[in-house]
Amino acid sequence: VICNKFIQTSAVTCLLWPAENIIVFGLAEGKVRLANTKSNKSSTIYGTDSYVVSLTSNLSGKGILSGHADGTIVRFFFDDEGSGESQGKLVVHPCPPYALAWASNSIVAAGCDKKIVAYGKEGNVIQSFDYSRDSSEKEFTTAAVSPGGQAVVIGSYDRLRVLNWSPRRNAWEEAKPKEIAHLYTITALAWKRDGSRICVGTLCGGVEQFDCCLRRSVYKNKFEMTYVGPSQVIVKNLSTGTRVVLKSHYGYEIDEVKILGKERYLVAHTSDTLLLGDISSNKLSEVAWQGSGGNEKFFFDNENVCMIFNAGELTLVEYGSNDILGSVRTEFMNPHLVSVRINERRQRGMEVNKRLAYLIDIKTIATVDLVGGYNAGTISHDSKIEWLELNETGHKLLFRDKKMRVRQTHLGERGVQPRTAKERLCLKDARDSSPRNQECA
């Protein structure tokens, strides 16, 4: 069923659908136009006097590039997202840039002169690959950038060339080209959304699909890890078929991915960040993290938050959040001496409730309101504390000392109110049914 029709005055030479309701297309007469599927109307974004040979968008889809027959490359933003980059004529390529791709770190253009050129954000040449002396190479006809923005595939005749961005070298590295005899001229390229495969269309009507990854490994015959780019890894559960895409949003190169915590949680380091993920809920986090030689200790006792001990510091990261929830100094690296509650039971008048209890020293407990970032109270005891736990709302604390005495403390607005275990041991007021509290009771 035809739901929209946009009649144009000249041939549509290239087409792009970057946003939900907006289609962008180039015309033979040199105009770049926009078609709105809701209003069923089209309008001109900008016009040139040169045939539009290629169109591409940035990773967010909020900026477009058009390549023209006279070599001109034009940039336009629907929203520059605060980048401050200029619009309009960006650069004049030596030949018509039929192969044009907007990667995360540069713009890649190629054409009939058998050269691939990478341009910076303002049109300066940052790298060039020259194949003009290679008699087996033909003109470049099309290009496509991976969804992660760190790989570009350029098609020519019987050959695919791949460029991978290296964050460490801050430059493009050429991978071994893929040569297929009798494939003939490659006319179209399209990536799968997760970056694991690429489809190739040919002049003779063929549609070929290629697996595209840097490396692949299998963990304990249960998980398959596919590194589709330096900063993106697909983790697939071989028994259930579920997939999690672990990606550095800052473009940093991911080192080894580990599966910890009863094979439920993902942990990976980059040069400047730490990536964490819950496979079952598909909640992923990336937080700023300075390398410590892999000496961190991770605890996954809490389903909502990861506890990280490193050099006398406890750091909390909530799954699904890209900010560190809280950080405190403590020398006690036992999860039974730390208790975190994250919105586990809703209270009237309190939308967000996040609390932490931990040991300052062997006889002193501190409680922290993680939302406000302040100390909610301190409890001093006369004996060594061996176990502690907050209730679901974070307003009651149960702890046990080395003499096997159990105490309950109410963390109210008027201060700390200790009570003996005989008075409140069953925790009926707290309604806390966690296994650890039941075991203690």
Protein backbone atom coordinates (compact mmCIF):
# COMPACT_ATOMS: atom_id res chain seq x y z
CA VAL A 1 0.00 0.00 0.00
CA ILE A 2 1.39 3.40 -0.99
CA CYS A 3 1.02 5.68 2.03
CA ASN A 4 3.06 8.66 0.77
CA LYS A 5 3.98 10.02 -2.65
CA PHE A 6 6.44 12.86 -3.29
CA ILE A 7 6.61 13.94 -6.94
CA GLN A 8 9.89 15.58 -7.99
CA THR A 9 10.95 17.62 -11.01
CA SER A 10 14.13 15.60 -11.70
CA ALA A 11 15.57 12.15 -11.00
CA VAL A 12 16.18 11.09 -7.40
CA THR A 13 19.84 10.05 -7.35
CA CYS A 14 20.30 9.08 -3.69
CA LEU A 15 18.10 8.69 -0.65
CA LEU A 16 18.46 8.57 3.15
CA TRP A 17 15.99 8.01 6.00
CA PRO A 18 17.85 9.25 9.14
CA ALA A 19 14.90 10.28 11.35
CA GLU A 20 11.53 8.74 12.12
CA ASN A 21 9.35 10.90 9.87
CA ILE A 22 11.90 12.67 7.66
CA ILE A 23 13.33 11.31 4.39
CA VAL A 24 16.27 13.13 2.80
CA PHE A 25 17.05 12.73 -0.92
CA GLY A 26 19.26 14.26 -3.59
CA LEU A 27 18.22 15.20 -7.13
CA ALA A 28 20.01 15.23 -10.47
CA GLU A 29 19.49 19.01 -10.63
CA GLY A 30 21.66 19.45 -7.48
CA LYS A 31 19.01 20.03 -4.82
CA VAL A 32 18.91 18.22 -1.48
CA ARG A 33 15.32 17.93 -0.35
CA LEU A 34 13.35 16.73 2.65
CA ALA A 35 10.11 14.69 2.61
CA ASN A 36 7.88 14.64 5.69
CA THR A 37 5.85 11.43 5.90
CA LYS A 38 3.38 12.98 8.38
CA SER A 39 2.50 16.11 6.41
CA ASN A 40 3.02 14.40 3.03
CA LYS A 41 4.96 17.46 1.84
CA SER A 42 8.51 17.95 0.57
CA SER A 43 10.76 20.99 0.79
CA THR A 44 14.27 22.00 -0.29
CA ILE A 45 16.96 21.96 2.42
CA TYR A 46 19.59 23.54 0.18
CA GLY A 47 20.35 23.74 -3.52
CA THR A 48 23.53 23.48 -5.61
CA ASP A 49 24.25 23.51 -9.32
CA SER A 50 25.86 20.07 -9.31
CA TYR A 51 24.33 16.57 -9.54
CA VAL A 52 24.05 14.87 -6.11
CA VAL A 53 26.07 11.63 -6.24
CA SER A 54 25.95 10.52 -2.57
CA LEU A 55 24.26 11.12 0.78
CA THR A 56 25.23 10.00 4.27
CA SER A 57 24.32 10.91 7.85
CA ASN A 58 26.22 11.05 11.12
CA LEU A 59 25.70 8.36 13.78
CA SER A 60 22.84 10.20 15.51
CA GLY A 61 21.07 10.94 12.21
CA LYS A 62 20.90 14.66 13.06
CA GLY A 63 23.46 15.75 10.45
CA ILE A 64 23.87 14.91 6.76
CA LEU A 65 26.59 15.14 4.11
CA SER A 66 25.99 15.34 0.39
CA GLY A 67 28.58 14.63 -2.30
CA HIS A 68 28.28 16.31 -5.72
CA ALA A 69 29.56 15.68 -9.24
CA ASP A 70 31.92 18.68 -9.07
CA GLY A 71 33.62 17.15 -5.98
CA THR A 72 31.91 19.42 -3.45
CA ILE A 73 30.96 17.92 -0.07
CA VAL A 74 28.25 19.88 1.79
CA ARG A 75 27.32 19.50 5.47
CA PHE A 76 23.93 20.28 7.04
CA PHE A 77 22.66 19.86 10.61
CA PHE A 78 19.10 19.46 11.82
CA ASP A 79 20.70 19.70 15.28
CA ASP A 80 24.47 20.05 15.80
CA GLU A 81 24.09 18.69 19.38
CA GLY A 82 26.36 21.40 20.73
CA SER A 83 29.34 20.42 18.58
CA GLY A 84 29.68 23.90 17.08
CA GLU A 85 30.70 22.46 13.70
CA SER A 86 30.09 24.63 10.65
CA GLN A 87 27.45 24.07 7.97
CA GLY A 88 27.63 24.54 4.23
CA LYS A 89 30.44 23.72 1.82
CA LEU A 90 32.97 21.64 3.73
CA VAL A 91 35.60 20.61 1.16
CA VAL A 92 36.13 19.99 -2.56
CA HIS A 93 37.21 16.40 -3.19
CA PRO A 94 39.48 15.80 -6.25
CA CYS A 95 36.74 13.73 -7.95
CA PRO A 96 33.00 13.04 -7.48
CA PRO A 97 32.76 11.41 -4.01
CA TYR A 98 30.48 8.50 -4.90
CA ALA A 99 31.80 6.65 -1.82
CA LEU A 100 31.05 8.90 1.16
CA ALA A 101 30.84 7.93 4.86
CA TRP A 102 30.54 10.01 8.05
CA ALA A 103 32.36 8.09 10.80
CA SER A 104 32.64 9.02 14.46
CA ASN A 105 36.08 10.63 14.09
CA SER A 106 36.30 11.74 10.47
CA ILE A 107 34.67 11.87 7.05
CA VAL A 108 35.81 9.30 4.49
CA ALA A 109 35.47 10.00 0.75
CA ALA A 110 36.56 8.10 -2.36
CA GLY A 111 35.82 7.97 -6.09
CA CYS A 112 37.21 7.33 -9.56
CA ASP A 113 40.75 8.53 -8.77
CA LYS A 114 41.36 5.32 -6.72
CA LYS A 115 42.18 7.30 -3.57
CA ILE A 116 40.53 7.12 -0.15
CA VAL A 117 40.79 10.36 1.82
CA ALA A 118 39.84 10.92 5.47
CA TYR A 119 38.86 14.51 6.31
CA GLY A 120 38.69 16.14 9.73
CA LYS A 121 35.64 17.90 11.19
CA GLU A 122 36.38 21.11 9.29
CA GLY A 123 37.58 19.60 6.01
CA ASN A 124 41.31 19.22 6.68
CA VAL A 125 42.98 16.09 5.26
CA ILE A 126 44.09 13.80 8.08
CA GLN A 127 44.87 10.61 6.14
CA SER A 128 45.05 9.33 2.58
CA PHE A 129 45.26 5.87 0.96
CA ASP A 130 46.43 5.91 -2.68
CA TYR A 131 45.75 2.89 -4.95
CA SER A 132 46.16 4.73 -8.27
CA ARG A 133 49.24 2.64 -9.14
CA ASP A 134 47.43 -0.64 -8.46
CA SER A 135 46.35 -1.88 -11.90
CA SER A 136 43.91 -4.39 -10.37
CA GLU A 137 41.99 -1.68 -8.52
CA LYS A 138 39.03 0.08 -10.16
CA GLU A 139 37.12 3.19 -9.09
CA PHE A 140 35.41 3.26 -5.70
CA THR A 141 31.65 3.25 -6.07
CA THR A 142 30.06 3.17 -2.60
CA ALA A 143 30.91 3.27 1.11
CA ALA A 144 29.16 2.51 4.40
CA VAL A 145 30.10 3.21 8.01
CA SER A 146 29.38 0.71 10.77
CA PRO A 147 26.69 1.56 13.38
CA GLY A 148 29.45 2.12 15.93
CA GLY A 149 31.20 4.58 13.62
CA GLN A 150 34.61 2.92 13.87
CA ALA A 151 34.73 0.87 10.67
CA VAL A 152 34.19 1.91 7.04
CA VAL A 153 33.75 -0.48 4.13
CA ILE A 154 34.43 0.85 0.61
CA GLY A 155 33.28 -1.09 -2.44
CA SER A 156 34.88 -1.14 -5.89
CA TYR A 157 35.17 -3.91 -8.55
CA ASP A 158 35.40 -7.48 -7.15
CA ARG A 159 36.76 -6.03 -3.91
CA LEU A 160 35.79 -4.67 -0.48
CA ARG A 161 38.28 -2.54 1.42
CA VAL A 162 37.89 -2.12 5.19
CA LEU A 163 39.22 0.72 7.36
CA ASN A 164 39.18 0.35 11.16
CA TRP A 165 39.64 3.29 13.51
CA SER A 166 42.36 2.77 16.11
CA PRO A 167 41.68 4.85 19.28
CA ARG A 168 45.21 4.19 20.52
CA ARG A 169 46.87 5.51 17.35
CA ASN A 170 44.07 7.99 16.65
CA ALA A 171 44.18 6.97 12.98
CA TRP A 172 42.58 4.66 10.41
CA GLU A 173 44.16 1.24 9.90
CA GLU A 174 43.57 -0.75 6.73
CA ALA A 175 42.50 -4.37 7.16
CA LYS A 176 43.14 -7.07 4.57
CA PRO A 177 40.82 -6.43 1.58
CA LYS A 178 38.12 -8.95 0.73
CA GLU A 179 38.39 -10.03 -2.91
CA ILE A 180 35.61 -12.00 -4.63
CA ALA A 181 36.13 -13.04 -8.24
CA HIS A 182 33.24 -12.32 -10.63
CA LEU A 183 31.39 -10.20 -8.08
CA TYR A 184 31.74 -7.25 -10.50
CA THR A 185 30.97 -3.65 -9.50
CA ILE A 186 29.59 -3.15 -5.98
CA THR A 187 26.70 -0.70 -6.13
CA ALA A 188 25.24 -0.76 -2.60
CA LEU A 189 26.32 -1.47 0.99
CA ALA A 190 24.27 -1.74 4.18
CA TRP A 191 25.23 -2.73 7.74
CA LYS A 192 23.15 -4.76 10.16
CA ARG A 193 22.11 -2.56 13.08
CA ASP A 194 24.37 -4.33 15.59
CA GLY A 195 27.38 -4.11 13.26
CA SER A 196 27.92 -7.87 13.02
CA ARG A 197 27.15 -8.27 9.30
CA ILE A 198 27.17 -6.28 6.08
CA CYS A 199 25.08 -6.71 2.91
CA VAL A 200 26.57 -6.05 -0.52
CA GLY A 201 24.56 -5.31 -3.66
CA THR A 202 26.19 -5.78 -7.08
CA LEU A 203 25.71 -4.48 -10.60
CA CYS A 204 24.67 -7.93 -11.82
CA GLY A 205 21.81 -8.24 -9.31
CA GLY A 206 23.53 -10.19 -6.55
CA VAL A 207 22.96 -9.57 -2.85
CA GLU A 208 25.76 -11.00 -0.71
CA GLN A 209 25.94 -11.06 3.08
CA PHE A 210 29.25 -11.07 4.96
CA ASP A 211 30.10 -11.74 8.58
CA CYS A 212 32.07 -8.72 9.79
CA CYS A 213 34.03 -8.86 13.04
CA LEU A 214 37.55 -8.29 14.35
CA ARG A 215 37.58 -11.51 16.35
CA ARG A 216 35.28 -14.06 17.94
CA SER A 217 35.65 -16.21 21.05
CA VAL A 218 33.54 -18.68 23.04
CA TYR A 219 33.38 -18.57 26.85
CA LYS A 220 32.86 -21.95 28.60
CA ASN A 221 30.76 -23.17 25.65
CA LYS A 222 27.97 -20.94 26.95
CA PHE A 223 28.61 -17.47 25.53
CA GLU A 224 29.88 -16.27 22.16
CA MET A 225 31.71 -12.93 22.11
CA THR A 226 31.90 -11.15 18.77
CA TYR A 227 34.15 -8.09 18.61
CA VAL A 228 32.49 -6.17 15.76
CA GLY A 229 34.69 -3.12 16.32
CA PRO A 230 37.35 -1.79 18.69
CA SER A 231 34.66 -0.35 20.98
CA GLN A 232 31.75 -2.77 20.50
CA VAL A 233 31.25 -6.41 21.54
CA ILE A 234 28.18 -8.60 21.03
CA VAL A 235 27.72 -11.19 23.80
CA LYS A 236 25.37 -14.02 22.80
CA ASN A 237 23.99 -16.69 25.11
CA LEU A 238 24.34 -19.88 23.05
CA SER A 239 21.59 -21.76 24.93
CA THR A 240 18.87 -19.08 24.83
CA GLY A 241 20.00 -17.05 21.80
CA THR A 242 19.68 -13.73 23.67
CA ARG A 243 22.18 -11.02 22.77
CA VAL A 244 23.67 -8.06 24.62
CA VAL A 245 25.57 -5.32 22.76
CA LEU A 246 28.34 -3.93 24.98
CA LYS A 247 29.56 -0.63 23.56
CA SER A 248 31.79 2.23 24.66
CA HIS A 249 29.82 5.41 23.98
CA TYR A 250 33.04 7.42 24.03
CA GLY A 251 34.69 5.29 21.35
CA TYR A 252 37.36 3.79 23.60
CA GLU A 253 38.83 0.43 22.69
CA ILE A 254 37.44 -2.42 24.78
CA ASP A 255 39.92 -4.84 26.28
CA GLU A 256 38.92 -8.34 27.40
CA VAL A 257 35.27 -8.86 28.38
CA LYS A 258 34.70 -10.97 31.51
CA ILE A 259 31.50 -12.73 32.61
CA LEU A 260 31.30 -12.83 36.41
CA GLY A 261 28.76 -13.25 39.21
CA LYS A 262 27.33 -16.69 38.38
CA GLU A 263 27.71 -15.87 34.66
CA ARG A 264 25.18 -13.03 34.81
CA TYR A 265 27.27 -9.85 34.80
CA LEU A 266 29.64 -8.34 32.22
CA VAL A 267 32.81 -6.44 33.14
CA ALA A 268 35.16 -4.78 30.63
CA HIS A 269 37.86 -2.12 30.82
CA THR A 270 38.86 0.59 28.35
CA SER A 271 41.72 3.07 28.73
CA ASP A 272 39.51 5.61 30.55
CA THR A 273 36.22 3.89 31.44
CA LEU A 274 34.72 0.79 33.03
CA LEU A 275 31.82 -1.04 31.38
CA LEU A 276 29.36 -3.09 33.44
CA GLY A 277 26.23 -4.95 32.40
CA ASP A 278 23.47 -7.20 33.69
CA ILE A 279 22.81 -9.83 31.03
CA SER A 280 19.38 -10.81 32.40
CA SER A 281 17.95 -7.26 32.46
CA ASN A 282 20.11 -5.87 29.61
CA LYS A 283 21.05 -2.86 31.76
CA LEU A 284 24.47 -1.51 30.74
CA SER A 285 26.68 1.16 32.30
CA GLU A 286 29.86 2.99 31.35
CA VAL A 287 31.56 5.11 34.01
CA ALA A 288 34.80 7.07 34.09
CA TRP A 289 37.51 4.84 35.55
CA GLN A 290 41.26 5.21 35.80
CA GLY A 291 43.16 1.97 35.25
CA SER A 292 44.42 0.25 38.40
CA GLY A 293 46.12 -2.75 36.84
CA GLY A 294 43.06 -4.96 37.16
CA ASN A 295 43.27 -5.11 40.97
CA GLU A 296 39.61 -4.26 41.54
CA LYS A 297 37.38 -6.71 43.37
CA PHE A 298 33.79 -6.92 42.10
CA PHE A 299 30.84 -8.07 44.19
CA PHE A 300 27.46 -8.84 42.62
CA ASP A 301 25.39 -9.70 45.72
CA ASN A 302 22.96 -6.85 44.96
CA GLU A 303 20.94 -7.16 41.73
CA ASN A 304 20.67 -3.38 41.29
CA VAL A 305 24.19 -2.21 41.95
CA CYS A 306 27.76 -3.42 41.48
CA MET A 307 30.15 -2.98 44.41
CA ILE A 308 33.78 -2.36 43.45
CA PHE A 309 36.60 -2.39 46.01
CA ASN A 310 39.90 -0.87 44.99
CA ALA A 311 42.79 0.51 47.06
CA GLY A 312 40.69 1.08 50.18
CA GLU A 313 37.80 2.66 48.31
CA LEU A 314 34.29 1.31 47.75
CA THR A 315 32.59 2.47 44.52
CA LEU A 316 28.94 1.79 43.68
CA VAL A 317 27.64 1.65 40.11
CA GLU A 318 23.93 1.22 39.45
CA TYR A 319 23.22 -0.94 36.39
CA GLY A 320 21.79 1.15 33.56
CA SER A 321 23.35 4.41 34.82
CA ASN A 322 26.47 6.03 33.37
CA ASP A 323 27.33 7.91 36.56
CA ILE A 324 28.98 6.55 39.70
CA LEU A 325 26.27 6.23 42.36
CA GLY A 326 28.61 6.79 45.29
CA SER A 327 32.13 6.33 46.58
CA VAL A 328 33.40 5.99 50.19
CA ARG A 329 36.64 5.07 51.95
CA THR A 330 36.66 1.75 53.81
CA GLU A 331 39.12 -1.05 54.45
CA PHE A 332 36.48 -3.75 54.92
CA MET A 333 36.11 -5.59 51.62
CA ASN A 334 33.42 -8.03 52.73
CA PRO A 335 29.98 -7.69 51.10
CA HIS A 336 28.42 -8.77 54.44
CA LEU A 337 29.79 -5.53 55.91
CA VAL A 338 28.18 -3.37 53.22
CA SER A 339 24.45 -2.99 52.52
CA VAL A 340 22.89 -1.05 49.63
CA ARG A 341 19.18 -0.46 49.00
CA ILE A 342 18.03 0.98 45.66
CA ASN A 343 14.27 1.73 45.44
CA GLU A 344 13.41 -1.75 46.69
CA ARG A 345 10.11 -0.73 48.34
CA ARG A 346 8.22 2.41 47.34
CA GLN A 347 7.25 4.88 50.06
CA ARG A 348 4.61 7.55 49.90
CA GLY A 349 6.14 10.95 49.24
CA MET A 350 9.55 9.50 48.32
CA GLU A 351 10.10 8.77 44.61
CA VAL A 352 13.79 7.87 44.85
CA ASN A 353 15.33 6.10 47.83
CA LYS A 354 18.97 4.99 47.67
CA ARG A 355 20.91 4.25 50.86
CA LEU A 356 24.22 2.71 51.87
CA ALA A 357 25.50 1.32 55.17
CA TYR A 358 29.18 0.41 55.64
CA LEU A 359 31.94 0.22 58.24
CA ILE A 360 34.17 3.22 58.89
CA ASP A 361 36.18 1.14 61.33
CA ILE A 362 35.68 -2.21 63.06
CA LYS A 363 33.17 -0.77 65.59
CA THR A 364 31.56 2.10 63.67
CA ILE A 365 28.80 1.99 61.03
CA ALA A 366 28.08 4.91 58.71
CA THR A 367 24.90 5.35 56.65
CA VAL A 368 24.81 7.48 53.51
CA ASP A 369 21.91 8.93 51.52
CA LEU A 370 23.15 8.28 47.97
CA VAL A 371 20.59 10.61 46.36
CA GLY A 372 21.62 13.66 48.35
CA GLY A 373 25.22 12.51 48.80
CA TYR A 374 25.34 13.19 52.54
CA ASN A 375 26.02 11.16 55.70
CA ALA A 376 22.66 10.12 57.20
CA GLY A 377 24.05 8.90 60.53
CA THR A 378 26.85 7.16 62.42
CA ILE A 379 26.49 4.27 64.87
CA SER A 380 29.24 3.47 67.38
CA HIS A 381 29.30 0.04 69.03
CA ASP A 382 31.35 -1.45 71.87
CA SER A 383 32.33 -4.64 70.04
CA LYS A 384 33.58 -5.82 66.65
CA ILE A 385 30.80 -5.81 64.02
CA GLU A 386 30.65 -8.92 61.82
CA TRP A 387 27.47 -8.45 59.76
CA LEU A 388 25.03 -5.68 58.85
CA GLU A 389 21.97 -5.17 56.66
CA LEU A 390 19.57 -2.32 55.87
CA ASN A 391 15.88 -3.05 55.47
CA GLU A 392 14.17 -2.49 52.09
CA THR A 393 13.41 1.19 52.76
CA GLY A 394 16.84 1.89 54.24
CA HIS A 395 15.36 3.27 57.46
CA LYS A 396 16.18 0.32 59.74
CA LEU A 397 19.53 -1.35 60.25
CA LEU A 398 20.26 -4.78 61.70
CA PHE A 399 23.81 -5.70 62.73
CA ARG A 400 25.57 -8.51 64.62
CA ASP A 401 28.77 -8.31 66.65
CA LYS A 402 31.43 -10.92 67.42
CA LYS A 403 29.63 -11.90 70.66
CA MET A 404 26.70 -13.03 68.46
CA ARG A 405 24.55 -10.17 69.74
CA VAL A 406 22.06 -8.81 67.19
CA ARG A 407 20.85 -5.21 67.34
CA GLN A 408 18.31 -3.26 65.34
CA THR A 409 18.69 0.47 64.80
CA HIS A 410 16.06 2.87 63.51
CA LEU A 411 17.54 5.50 61.20
CA GLY A 412 14.89 8.18 61.68
CA GLU A 413 14.89 11.90 61.14
CA ARG A 414 15.55 12.54 64.84
CA GLY A 415 18.73 10.51 64.87
CA VAL A 416 19.81 6.95 65.58
CA GLN A 417 17.72 4.90 68.02
CA PRO A 418 19.31 1.54 68.97
CA ARG A 419 17.12 -1.37 70.04
CA THR A 420 17.96 -4.87 71.24
CA ALA A 421 17.38 -7.98 69.18
CA LYS A 422 14.72 -9.25 71.59
CA GLU A 423 12.59 -6.16 70.95
CA ARG A 424 12.67 -6.16 67.14
CA LEU A 425 14.48 -9.28 65.99
CA CYS A 426 11.73 -10.57 63.69
CA LEU A 427 11.75 -7.27 61.71
CA LYS A 428 7.96 -7.19 61.40
CA ASP A 429 7.97 -3.40 61.16
CA ALA A 430 10.66 -3.46 58.48
CA ARG A 431 8.89 -6.19 56.44
CA ASP A 432 12.31 -7.24 55.23
CA SER A 433 12.21 -10.74 53.72
CA SER A 434 15.73 -10.91 52.29
CA PRO A 435 17.39 -14.35 52.73
CA ARG A 436 20.32 -12.88 54.63
CA ASN A 437 18.03 -11.21 57.21
CA GLN A 438 15.92 -14.37 57.57
CA GLU A 439 19.08 -16.38 58.16
CA CYS A 440 20.27 -13.91 60.80
CA ALA A 441 16.87 -13.83 62.52
